[in-house]
């Protein structure tokens, strides 16, 4: 099971209220390149409360990509631009997927 970060002290009712008010579950992307090898990965899932900025959660992944993502040819620059766009846009919203996973019968 994937760890969801930033849920500290929230009950299920609190989470549902935050989701109702505009909270969301997001992931961030990062890219690391080593000349001919490029790795594009996603972060853990973060719960972003209504009105909360994603910057403090995405900054590490954005810096990692900025410093180490460009150096692989040809995918380094391509993946880096995509990861930076995703992170600077607030991350990839996967709220629907998380809720579907939680509510699905096993």
PDB file of N, CA and C in Angstrom:
ATOM      1  N   UNK A   1       0.841  -1.183   0.000  1.00  0.00           N
ATOM      2  CA  UNK A   1       0.000   0.000   0.000  1.00  0.00           C
ATOM      3  C   UNK A   1       0.879   1.236   0.000  1.00  0.00           C
ATOM      4  N   UNK A   2       0.489   2.207  -0.782  1.00  0.00           N
ATOM      5  CA  UNK A   2       1.236   3.444  -0.906  1.00  0.00           C
ATOM      6  C   UNK A   2       0.961   4.347   0.283  1.00  0.00           C
ATOM      7  N   UNK A   3       2.013   4.956   0.757  1.00  0.00           N
ATOM      8  CA  UNK A   3       1.901   5.891   1.862  1.00  0.00           C
ATOM      9  C   UNK A   3       1.371   7.219   1.349  1.00  0.00           C
ATOM     10  N   UNK A   4       0.392   7.769   2.037  1.00  0.00           N
ATOM     11  CA  UNK A   4      -0.124   9.086   1.697  1.00  0.00           C
ATOM     12  C   UNK A   4       0.419  10.071   2.723  1.00  0.00           C
ATOM     13  N   UNK A   5       1.140  11.049   2.244  1.00  0.00           N
ATOM     14  CA  UNK A   5       1.773  12.024   3.126  1.00  0.00           C
ATOM     15  C   UNK A   5       0.862  13.229   3.354  1.00  0.00           C
ATOM     16  N   UNK A   6       1.092  13.913   4.450  1.00  0.00           N
ATOM     17  CA  UNK A   6       0.390  15.150   4.829  1.00  0.00           C
ATOM     18  C   UNK A   6      -1.026  14.879   5.345  1.00  0.00           C
ATOM     19  N   UNK A   7      -1.232  13.715   5.939  1.00  0.00           N
ATOM     20  CA  UNK A   7      -2.522  13.396   6.549  1.00  0.00           C
ATOM     21  C   UNK A   7      -2.461  13.501   8.067  1.00  0.00           C
ATOM     22  N   UNK A   8      -1.422  14.085   8.589  1.00  0.00           N
ATOM     23  CA  UNK A   8      -1.172  14.131  10.025  1.00  0.00           C
ATOM     24  C   UNK A   8      -2.378  14.632  10.817  1.00  0.00           C
ATOM     25  N   UNK A   9      -2.888  13.784  11.699  1.00  0.00           N
ATOM     26  CA  UNK A   9      -3.940  14.177  12.613  1.00  0.00           C
ATOM     27  C   UNK A   9      -5.324  14.344  12.014  1.00  0.00           C
ATOM     28  N   UNK A  10      -5.521  13.944  10.775  1.00  0.00           N
ATOM     29  CA  UNK A  10      -6.835  14.095  10.153  1.00  0.00           C
ATOM     30  C   UNK A  10      -7.636  12.800  10.269  1.00  0.00           C
ATOM     31  N   UNK A  11      -8.868  12.927  10.709  1.00  0.00           N
ATOM     32  CA  UNK A  11      -9.769  11.771  10.743  1.00  0.00           C
ATOM     33  C   UNK A  11     -10.387  11.603   9.357  1.00  0.00           C
ATOM     34  N   UNK A  12     -11.091  10.517   9.165  1.00  0.00           N
ATOM     35  CA  UNK A  12     -11.780  10.288   7.894  1.00  0.00           C
ATOM     36  C   UNK A  12     -12.786  11.400   7.620  1.00  0.00           C
ATOM     37  N   UNK A  13     -13.489  11.842   8.648  1.00  0.00           N
ATOM     38  CA  UNK A  13     -14.447  12.934   8.488  1.00  0.00           C
ATOM     39  C   UNK A  13     -13.738  14.230   8.085  1.00  0.00           C
ATOM     40  N   UNK A  14     -12.579  14.493   8.678  1.00  0.00           N
ATOM     41  CA  UNK A  14     -11.808  15.693   8.326  1.00  0.00           C
ATOM     42  C   UNK A  14     -11.362  15.638   6.863  1.00  0.00           C
ATOM     43  N   UNK A  15     -10.896  14.467   6.428  1.00  0.00           N
ATOM     44  CA  UNK A  15     -10.451  14.299   5.044  1.00  0.00           C
ATOM     45  C   UNK A  15     -11.617  14.526   4.089  1.00  0.00           C
ATOM     46  N   UNK A  16     -12.761  13.927   4.396  1.00  0.00           N
ATOM     47  CA  UNK A  16     -13.937  14.106   3.543  1.00  0.00           C
ATOM     48  C   UNK A  16     -14.362  15.571   3.486  1.00  0.00           C
ATOM     49  N   UNK A  17     -14.291  16.273   4.598  1.00  0.00           N
ATOM     50  CA  UNK A  17     -14.634  17.703   4.615  1.00  0.00           C
ATOM     51  C   UNK A  17     -13.654  18.503   3.766  1.00  0.00           C
ATOM     52  N   UNK A  18     -12.362  18.186   3.891  1.00  0.00           N
ATOM     53  CA  UNK A  18     -11.352  18.871   3.085  1.00  0.00           C
ATOM     54  C   UNK A  18     -11.564  18.606   1.600  1.00  0.00           C
ATOM     55  N   UNK A  19     -11.881  17.367   1.247  1.00  0.00           N
ATOM     56  CA  UNK A  19     -12.148  17.038  -0.156  1.00  0.00           C
ATOM     57  C   UNK A  19     -13.363  17.807  -0.668  1.00  0.00           C
ATOM     58  N   UNK A  20     -14.381  17.911   0.165  1.00  0.00           N
ATOM     59  CA  UNK A  20     -15.578  18.664  -0.201  1.00  0.00           C
ATOM     60  C   UNK A  20     -15.253  20.143  -0.418  1.00  0.00           C
ATOM     61  N   UNK A  21     -14.302  20.663   0.347  1.00  0.00           N
ATOM     62  CA  UNK A  21     -13.918  22.079   0.260  1.00  0.00           C
ATOM     63  C   UNK A  21     -12.867  22.354  -0.817  1.00  0.00           C
ATOM     64  N   UNK A  22     -12.396  21.312  -1.510  1.00  0.00           N
ATOM     65  CA  UNK A  22     -11.426  21.519  -2.576  1.00  0.00           C
ATOM     66  C   UNK A  22     -10.081  20.864  -2.353  1.00  0.00           C
ATOM     67  N   UNK A  23      -9.943  20.067  -1.303  1.00  0.00           N
ATOM     68  CA  UNK A  23      -8.709  19.327  -1.082  1.00  0.00           C
ATOM     69  C   UNK A  23      -8.521  18.297  -2.177  1.00  0.00           C
ATOM     70  N   UNK A  24      -7.293  17.783  -2.311  1.00  0.00           N
ATOM     71  CA  UNK A  24      -7.025  16.804  -3.362  1.00  0.00           C
ATOM     72  C   UNK A  24      -5.817  15.952  -3.012  1.00  0.00           C
ATOM     73  N   UNK A  25      -5.712  14.832  -3.689  1.00  0.00           N
ATOM     74  CA  UNK A  25      -4.552  13.964  -3.607  1.00  0.00           C
ATOM     75  C   UNK A  25      -3.728  14.187  -4.869  1.00  0.00           C
ATOM     76  N   UNK A  26      -2.436  14.443  -4.715  1.00  0.00           N
ATOM     77  CA  UNK A  26      -1.586  14.704  -5.877  1.00  0.00           C
ATOM     78  C   UNK A  26      -0.281  13.926  -5.780  1.00  0.00           C
ATOM     79  N   UNK A  27       0.357  13.758  -6.940  1.00  0.00           N
ATOM     80  CA  UNK A  27       1.720  13.244  -7.002  1.00  0.00           C
ATOM     81  C   UNK A  27       2.549  14.244  -7.790  1.00  0.00           C
ATOM     82  N   UNK A  28       3.841  14.222  -7.544  1.00  0.00           N
ATOM     83  CA  UNK A  28       4.777  15.069  -8.266  1.00  0.00           C
ATOM     84  C   UNK A  28       5.719  14.172  -9.047  1.00  0.00           C
ATOM     85  N   UNK A  29       6.312  14.717 -10.083  1.00  0.00           N
ATOM     86  CA  UNK A  29       7.217  13.931 -10.911  1.00  0.00           C
ATOM     87  C   UNK A  29       8.630  14.459 -10.780  1.00  0.00           C
ATOM     88  N   UNK A  30       9.590  13.561 -11.016  1.00  0.00           N
ATOM     89  CA  UNK A  30      10.981  13.986 -11.072  1.00  0.00           C
ATOM     90  C   UNK A  30      11.711  13.150 -12.099  1.00  0.00           C
ATOM     91  N   UNK A  31      12.825  13.676 -12.560  1.00  0.00           N
ATOM     92  CA  UNK A  31      13.612  13.045 -13.605  1.00  0.00           C
ATOM     93  C   UNK A  31      15.078  13.132 -13.219  1.00  0.00           C
ATOM     94  N   UNK A  32      15.779  12.017 -13.407  1.00  0.00           N
ATOM     95  CA  UNK A  32      17.222  11.971 -13.168  1.00  0.00           C
ATOM     96  C   UNK A  32      17.858  11.328 -14.393  1.00  0.00           C
ATOM     97  N   UNK A  33      18.916  11.948 -14.920  1.00  0.00           N
ATOM     98  CA  UNK A  33      19.585  11.434 -16.111  1.00  0.00           C
ATOM     99  C   UNK A  33      21.060  11.168 -15.846  1.00  0.00           C
ATOM    100  N   UNK A  34      21.538  10.100 -16.478  1.00  0.00           N
ATOM    101  CA  UNK A  34      22.964   9.755 -16.440  1.00  0.00           C
ATOM    102  C   UNK A  34      23.371   9.460 -17.877  1.00  0.00           C
ATOM    103  N   UNK A  35      23.725  10.458 -18.611  1.00  0.00           N
ATOM    104  CA  UNK A  35      24.150  10.452 -20.013  1.00  0.00           C
ATOM    105  C   UNK A  35      23.163   9.713 -20.931  1.00  0.00           C
ATOM    106  N   UNK A  36      23.193   8.387 -20.985  1.00  0.00           N
ATOM    107  CA  UNK A  36      22.299   7.662 -21.885  1.00  0.00           C
ATOM    108  C   UNK A  36      21.110   7.039 -21.164  1.00  0.00           C
ATOM    109  N   UNK A  37      21.065   7.159 -19.858  1.00  0.00           N
ATOM    110  CA  UNK A  37      19.951   6.629 -19.082  1.00  0.00           C
ATOM    111  C   UNK A  37      19.178   7.769 -18.447  1.00  0.00           C
ATOM    112  N   UNK A  38      17.871   7.721 -18.598  1.00  0.00           N
ATOM    113  CA  UNK A  38      17.016   8.731 -17.984  1.00  0.00           C
ATOM    114  C   UNK A  38      15.910   8.026 -17.224  1.00  0.00           C
ATOM    115  N   UNK A  39      15.711   8.426 -15.984  1.00  0.00           N
ATOM    116  CA  UNK A  39      14.700   7.825 -15.119  1.00  0.00           C
ATOM    117  C   UNK A  39      13.637   8.869 -14.793  1.00  0.00           C
ATOM    118  N   UNK A  40      12.394   8.566 -15.110  1.00  0.00           N
ATOM    119  CA  UNK A  40      11.272   9.444 -14.785  1.00  0.00           C
ATOM    120  C   UNK A  40      10.433   8.712 -13.751  1.00  0.00           C
ATOM    121  N   UNK A  41      10.229   9.327 -12.608  1.00  0.00           N
ATOM    122  CA  UNK A  41       9.522   8.678 -11.512  1.00  0.00           C
ATOM    123  C   UNK A  41       8.503   9.638 -10.903  1.00  0.00           C
ATOM    124  N   UNK A  42       7.623   9.065 -10.086  1.00  0.00           N
ATOM    125  CA  UNK A  42       6.618   9.852  -9.369  1.00  0.00           C
ATOM    126  C   UNK A  42       6.880   9.778  -7.875  1.00  0.00           C
ATOM    127  N   UNK A  43       6.467  10.809  -7.181  1.00  0.00           N
ATOM    128  CA  UNK A  43       6.603  10.868  -5.725  1.00  0.00           C
ATOM    129  C   UNK A  43       5.540  10.003  -5.065  1.00  0.00           C
ATOM    130  N   UNK A  44       5.589   9.951  -3.746  1.00  0.00           N
ATOM    131  CA  UNK A  44       4.487   9.380  -2.988  1.00  0.00           C
ATOM    132  C   UNK A  44       3.271  10.283  -3.186  1.00  0.00           C
ATOM    133  N   UNK A  45       2.139   9.830  -2.719  1.00  0.00           N
ATOM    134  CA  UNK A  45       0.916  10.626  -2.810  1.00  0.00           C
ATOM    135  C   UNK A  45       0.893  11.636  -1.665  1.00  0.00           C
ATOM    136  N   UNK A  46       0.519  12.864  -1.981  1.00  0.00           N
ATOM    137  CA  UNK A  46       0.390  13.918  -0.978  1.00  0.00           C
ATOM    138  C   UNK A  46      -1.064  14.356  -0.910  1.00  0.00           C
ATOM    139  N   UNK A  47      -1.563  14.562   0.302  1.00  0.00           N
ATOM    140  CA  UNK A  47      -2.886  15.137   0.485  1.00  0.00           C
ATOM    141  C   UNK A  47      -2.714  16.633   0.633  1.00  0.00           C
ATOM    142  N   UNK A  48      -3.344  17.373  -0.253  1.00  0.00           N
ATOM    143  CA  UNK A  48      -3.264  18.830  -0.242  1.00  0.00           C
ATOM    144  C   UNK A  48      -4.595  19.370   0.258  1.00  0.00           C
ATOM    145  N   UNK A  49      -4.567  20.050   1.368  1.00  0.00           N
ATOM    146  CA  UNK A  49      -5.796  20.602   1.946  1.00  0.00           C
ATOM    147  C   UNK A  49      -6.317  21.765   1.102  1.00  0.00           C
ATOM    148  N   UNK A  50      -7.581  22.054   1.248  1.00  0.00           N
ATOM    149  CA  UNK A  50      -8.202  23.162   0.518  1.00  0.00           C
ATOM    150  C   UNK A  50      -7.453  24.456   0.827  1.00  0.00           C
ATOM    151  N   UNK A  51      -7.043  25.172  -0.190  1.00  0.00           N
ATOM    152  CA  UNK A  51      -6.346  26.439  -0.013  1.00  0.00           C
ATOM    153  C   UNK A  51      -4.858  26.318   0.250  1.00  0.00           C
ATOM    154  N   UNK A  52      -4.343  25.112   0.413  1.00  0.00           N
ATOM    155  CA  UNK A  52      -2.916  24.911   0.695  1.00  0.00           C
ATOM    156  C   UNK A  52      -2.119  24.921  -0.608  1.00  0.00           C
ATOM    157  N   UNK A  53      -0.961  25.538  -0.592  1.00  0.00           N
ATOM    158  CA  UNK A  53      -0.084  25.564  -1.758  1.00  0.00           C
ATOM    159  C   UNK A  53       0.675  24.240  -1.872  1.00  0.00           C
ATOM    160  N   UNK A  54       0.932  23.816  -3.080  1.00  0.00           N
ATOM    161  CA  UNK A  54       1.687  22.581  -3.295  1.00  0.00           C
ATOM    162  C   UNK A  54       3.195  22.825  -3.328  1.00  0.00           C
ATOM    163  N   UNK A  55       3.606  24.071  -3.314  1.00  0.00           N
ATOM    164  CA  UNK A  55       5.014  24.418  -3.501  1.00  0.00           C
ATOM    165  C   UNK A  55       5.927  23.752  -2.489  1.00  0.00           C
ATOM    166  N   UNK A  56       5.559  23.758  -1.222  1.00  0.00           N
ATOM    167  CA  UNK A  56       6.464  23.182  -0.208  1.00  0.00           C
ATOM    168  C   UNK A  56       6.641  21.684  -0.377  1.00  0.00           C
ATOM    169  N   UNK A  57       5.698  21.028  -1.027  1.00  0.00           N
ATOM    170  CA  UNK A  57       5.807  19.590  -1.262  1.00  0.00           C
ATOM    171  C   UNK A  57       6.543  19.289  -2.567  1.00  0.00           C
ATOM    172  N   UNK A  58       6.409  20.154  -3.555  1.00  0.00           N
ATOM    173  CA  UNK A  58       6.982  19.893  -4.874  1.00  0.00           C
ATOM    174  C   UNK A  58       8.388  20.436  -5.056  1.00  0.00           C
ATOM    175  N   UNK A  59       8.833  21.336  -4.204  1.00  0.00           N
ATOM    176  CA  UNK A  59      10.102  22.034  -4.421  1.00  0.00           C
ATOM    177  C   UNK A  59      11.297  21.079  -4.515  1.00  0.00           C
ATOM    178  N   UNK A  60      11.334  20.055  -3.693  1.00  0.00           N
ATOM    179  CA  UNK A  60      12.446  19.102  -3.733  1.00  0.00           C
ATOM    180  C   UNK A  60      12.509  18.346  -5.054  1.00  0.00           C
ATOM    181  N   UNK A  61      11.361  17.911  -5.541  1.00  0.00           N
ATOM    182  CA  UNK A  61      11.301  17.187  -6.814  1.00  0.00           C
ATOM    183  C   UNK A  61      11.624  18.111  -7.983  1.00  0.00           C
ATOM    184  N   UNK A  62      11.206  19.357  -7.879  1.00  0.00           N
ATOM    185  CA  UNK A  62      11.487  20.339  -8.925  1.00  0.00           C
ATOM    186  C   UNK A  62      12.982  20.645  -8.977  1.00  0.00           C
ATOM    187  N   UNK A  63      13.603  20.837  -7.823  1.00  0.00           N
ATOM    188  CA  UNK A  63      15.048  21.093  -7.785  1.00  0.00           C
ATOM    189  C   UNK A  63      15.847  19.893  -8.266  1.00  0.00           C
ATOM    190  N   UNK A  64      15.446  18.702  -7.873  1.00  0.00           N
ATOM    191  CA  UNK A  64      16.118  17.477  -8.310  1.00  0.00           C
ATOM    192  C   UNK A  64      16.102  17.369  -9.830  1.00  0.00           C
ATOM    193  N   UNK A  65      14.942  17.620 -10.421  1.00  0.00           N
ATOM    194  CA  UNK A  65      14.809  17.567 -11.875  1.00  0.00           C
ATOM    195  C   UNK A  65      15.624  18.672 -12.542  1.00  0.00           C
ATOM    196  N   UNK A  66      15.589  19.875 -11.975  1.00  0.00           N
ATOM    197  CA  UNK A  66      16.326  20.995 -12.551  1.00  0.00           C
ATOM    198  C   UNK A  66      17.825  20.723 -12.574  1.00  0.00           C
ATOM    199  N   UNK A  67      18.346  20.095 -11.533  1.00  0.00           N
ATOM    200  CA  UNK A  67      19.783  19.842 -11.444  1.00  0.00           C
ATOM    201  C   UNK A  67      20.228  18.592 -12.186  1.00  0.00           C
ATOM    202  N   UNK A  68      19.424  17.520 -12.150  1.00  0.00           N
ATOM    203  CA  UNK A  68      19.893  16.232 -12.651  1.00  0.00           C
ATOM    204  C   UNK A  68      19.072  15.627 -13.786  1.00  0.00           C
ATOM    205  N   UNK A  69      18.046  16.311 -14.233  1.00  0.00           N
ATOM    206  CA  UNK A  69      17.176  15.716 -15.237  1.00  0.00           C
ATOM    207  C   UNK A  69      17.583  15.918 -16.672  1.00  0.00           C
ATOM    208  N   UNK A  70      18.345  16.934 -16.981  1.00  0.00           N
ATOM    209  CA  UNK A  70      18.596  17.351 -18.355  1.00  0.00           C
ATOM    210  C   UNK A  70      19.674  16.566 -19.075  1.00  0.00           C
ATOM    211  N   UNK A  71      20.493  15.833 -18.364  1.00  0.00           N
ATOM    212  CA  UNK A  71      21.762  15.360 -18.912  1.00  0.00           C
ATOM    213  C   UNK A  71      21.671  14.115 -19.778  1.00  0.00           C
ATOM    214  N   UNK A  72      20.544  13.466 -19.840  1.00  0.00           N
ATOM    215  CA  UNK A  72      20.402  12.271 -20.676  1.00  0.00           C
ATOM    216  C   UNK A  72      19.915  12.626 -22.065  1.00  0.00           C
ATOM    217  N   UNK A  73      20.447  11.944 -23.062  1.00  0.00           N
ATOM    218  CA  UNK A  73      20.030  12.217 -24.430  1.00  0.00           C
ATOM    219  C   UNK A  73      19.305  11.000 -24.978  1.00  0.00           C
ATOM    220  N   UNK A  74      18.143  11.151 -25.573  1.00  0.00           N
ATOM    221  CA  UNK A  74      17.381  12.348 -25.878  1.00  0.00           C
ATOM    222  C   UNK A  74      16.282  12.632 -24.857  1.00  0.00           C
ATOM    223  N   UNK A  75      15.999  11.697 -23.934  1.00  0.00           N
ATOM    224  CA  UNK A  75      14.813  11.811 -23.085  1.00  0.00           C
ATOM    225  C   UNK A  75      14.975  12.738 -21.898  1.00  0.00           C
ATOM    226  N   UNK A  76      16.189  13.047 -21.500  1.00  0.00           N
ATOM    227  CA  UNK A  76      16.406  13.924 -20.353  1.00  0.00           C
ATOM    228  C   UNK A  76      15.683  15.260 -20.462  1.00  0.00           C
ATOM    229  N   UNK A  77      15.940  16.027 -21.526  1.00  0.00           N
ATOM    230  CA  UNK A  77      15.236  17.310 -21.655  1.00  0.00           C
ATOM    231  C   UNK A  77      13.718  17.155 -21.809  1.00  0.00           C
ATOM    232  N   UNK A  78      13.296  16.144 -22.531  1.00  0.00           N
ATOM    233  CA  UNK A  78      11.866  15.938 -22.759  1.00  0.00           C
ATOM    234  C   UNK A  78      11.152  15.619 -21.454  1.00  0.00           C
ATOM    235  N   UNK A  79      11.668  14.639 -20.705  1.00  0.00           N
ATOM    236  CA  UNK A  79      11.056  14.267 -19.429  1.00  0.00           C
ATOM    237  C   UNK A  79      11.168  15.385 -18.393  1.00  0.00           C
ATOM    238  N   UNK A  80      12.283  16.107 -18.416  1.00  0.00           N
ATOM    239  CA  UNK A  80      12.476  17.196 -17.455  1.00  0.00           C
ATOM    240  C   UNK A  80      11.445  18.292 -17.653  1.00  0.00           C
ATOM    241  N   UNK A  81      11.217  18.669 -18.888  1.00  0.00           N
ATOM    242  CA  UNK A  81      10.221  19.704 -19.168  1.00  0.00           C
ATOM    243  C   UNK A  81       8.841  19.247 -18.706  1.00  0.00           C
ATOM    244  N   UNK A  82       8.505  17.990 -18.974  1.00  0.00           N
ATOM    245  CA  UNK A  82       7.212  17.466 -18.538  1.00  0.00           C
ATOM    246  C   UNK A  82       7.070  17.443 -17.026  1.00  0.00           C
ATOM    247  N   UNK A  83       8.122  16.999 -16.331  1.00  0.00           N
ATOM    248  CA  UNK A  83       8.087  16.943 -14.871  1.00  0.00           C
ATOM    249  C   UNK A  83       7.995  18.336 -14.264  1.00  0.00           C
ATOM    250  N   UNK A  84       8.762  19.271 -14.798  1.00  0.00           N
ATOM    251  CA  UNK A  84       8.718  20.637 -14.284  1.00  0.00           C
ATOM    252  C   UNK A  84       7.350  21.262 -14.523  1.00  0.00           C
ATOM    253  N   UNK A  85       6.775  21.021 -15.673  1.00  0.00           N
ATOM    254  CA  UNK A  85       5.440  21.553 -15.963  1.00  0.00           C
ATOM    255  C   UNK A  85       4.420  20.993 -14.968  1.00  0.00           C
ATOM    256  N   UNK A  86       4.477  19.683 -14.746  1.00  0.00           N
ATOM    257  CA  UNK A  86       3.550  19.047 -13.807  1.00  0.00           C
ATOM    258  C   UNK A  86       3.700  19.635 -12.410  1.00  0.00           C
ATOM    259  N   UNK A  87       4.921  19.723 -11.927  1.00  0.00           N
ATOM    260  CA  UNK A  87       5.174  20.209 -10.567  1.00  0.00           C
ATOM    261  C   UNK A  87       4.801  21.678 -10.397  1.00  0.00           C
ATOM    262  N   UNK A  88       5.133  22.491 -11.387  1.00  0.00           N
ATOM    263  CA  UNK A  88       4.838  23.918 -11.285  1.00  0.00           C
ATOM    264  C   UNK A  88       3.356  24.213 -11.499  1.00  0.00           C
ATOM    265  N   UNK A  89       2.630  23.225 -12.028  1.00  0.00           N
ATOM    266  CA  UNK A  89       1.176  23.358 -12.204  1.00  0.00           C
ATOM    267  C   UNK A  89       0.399  22.832 -11.000  1.00  0.00           C
ATOM    268  N   UNK A  90       1.111  22.430  -9.961  1.00  0.00           N
ATOM    269  CA  UNK A  90       0.439  21.961  -8.752  1.00  0.00           C
ATOM    270  C   UNK A  90       0.421  20.459  -8.590  1.00  0.00           C
ATOM    271  N   UNK A  91       1.125  19.726  -9.434  1.00  0.00           N
ATOM    272  CA  UNK A  91       1.159  18.278  -9.342  1.00  0.00           C
ATOM    273  C   UNK A  91       0.049  17.638 -10.153  1.00  0.00           C
ATOM    274  N   UNK A  92       0.110  16.319 -10.237  1.00  0.00           N
ATOM    275  CA  UNK A  92      -0.916  15.574 -10.967  1.00  0.00           C
ATOM    276  C   UNK A  92      -2.008  15.166  -9.981  1.00  0.00           C
ATOM    277  N   UNK A  93      -3.219  15.617 -10.226  1.00  0.00           N
ATOM    278  CA  UNK A  93      -4.352  15.338  -9.341  1.00  0.00           C
ATOM    279  C   UNK A  93      -4.819  13.898  -9.565  1.00  0.00           C
ATOM    280  N   UNK A  94      -4.706  13.076  -8.525  1.00  0.00           N
ATOM    281  CA  UNK A  94      -5.134  11.674  -8.624  1.00  0.00           C
ATOM    282  C   UNK A  94      -6.217  11.367  -7.586  1.00  0.00           C
ATOM    283  N   UNK A  95      -6.961  12.386  -7.202  1.00  0.00           N
ATOM    284  CA  UNK A  95      -8.003  12.216  -6.188  1.00  0.00           C
ATOM    285  C   UNK A  95      -8.992  11.133  -6.583  1.00  0.00           C
ATOM    286  N   UNK A  96      -9.445  11.155  -7.818  1.00  0.00           N
ATOM    287  CA  UNK A  96     -10.429  10.174  -8.284  1.00  0.00           C
ATOM    288  C   UNK A  96      -9.870   8.746  -8.152  1.00  0.00           C
ATOM    289  N   UNK A  97      -8.615   8.554  -8.530  1.00  0.00           N
ATOM    290  CA  UNK A  97      -7.988   7.232  -8.449  1.00  0.00           C
ATOM    291  C   UNK A  97      -7.847   6.752  -7.008  1.00  0.00           C
ATOM    292  N   UNK A  98      -7.459   7.654  -6.117  1.00  0.00           N
ATOM    293  CA  UNK A  98      -7.308   7.289  -4.702  1.00  0.00           C
ATOM    294  C   UNK A  98      -8.661   6.898  -4.106  1.00  0.00           C
ATOM    295  N   UNK A  99      -9.670   7.702  -4.370  1.00  0.00           N
ATOM    296  CA  UNK A  99     -11.007   7.396  -3.826  1.00  0.00           C
ATOM    297  C   UNK A  99     -11.557   6.100  -4.411  1.00  0.00           C
ATOM    298  N   UNK A 100     -11.314   5.842  -5.697  1.00  0.00           N
ATOM    299  CA  UNK A 100     -11.764   4.592  -6.310  1.00  0.00           C
ATOM    300  C   UNK A 100     -11.056   3.401  -5.675  1.00  0.00           C
ATOM    301  N   UNK A 101      -9.786   3.568  -5.361  1.00  0.00           N
ATOM    302  CA  UNK A 101      -9.036   2.491  -4.734  1.00  0.00           C
ATOM    303  C   UNK A 101      -9.510   2.221  -3.312  1.00  0.00           C
ATOM    304  N   UNK A 102      -9.789   3.289  -2.583  1.00  0.00           N
ATOM    305  CA  UNK A 102     -10.252   3.153  -1.198  1.00  0.00           C
ATOM    306  C   UNK A 102     -11.636   2.502  -1.148  1.00  0.00           C
ATOM    307  N   UNK A 103     -12.498   2.884  -2.060  1.00  0.00           N
ATOM    308  CA  UNK A 103     -13.881   2.426  -2.043  1.00  0.00           C
ATOM    309  C   UNK A 103     -14.128   1.115  -2.783  1.00  0.00           C
ATOM    310  N   UNK A 104     -13.108   0.574  -3.450  1.00  0.00           N
ATOM    311  CA  UNK A 104     -13.327  -0.656  -4.217  1.00  0.00           C
ATOM    312  C   UNK A 104     -13.364  -1.861  -3.290  1.00  0.00           C
ATOM    313  N   UNK A 105     -14.266  -2.803  -3.562  1.00  0.00           N
ATOM    314  CA  UNK A 105     -14.303  -4.026  -2.763  1.00  0.00           C
ATOM    315  C   UNK A 105     -13.111  -4.897  -3.113  1.00  0.00           C
ATOM    316  N   UNK A 106     -12.550  -5.556  -2.127  1.00  0.00           N
ATOM    317  CA  UNK A 106     -11.375  -6.392  -2.378  1.00  0.00           C
ATOM    318  C   UNK A 106     -11.756  -7.790  -2.736  1.00  0.00           C
TER     319      UNK A 106
END
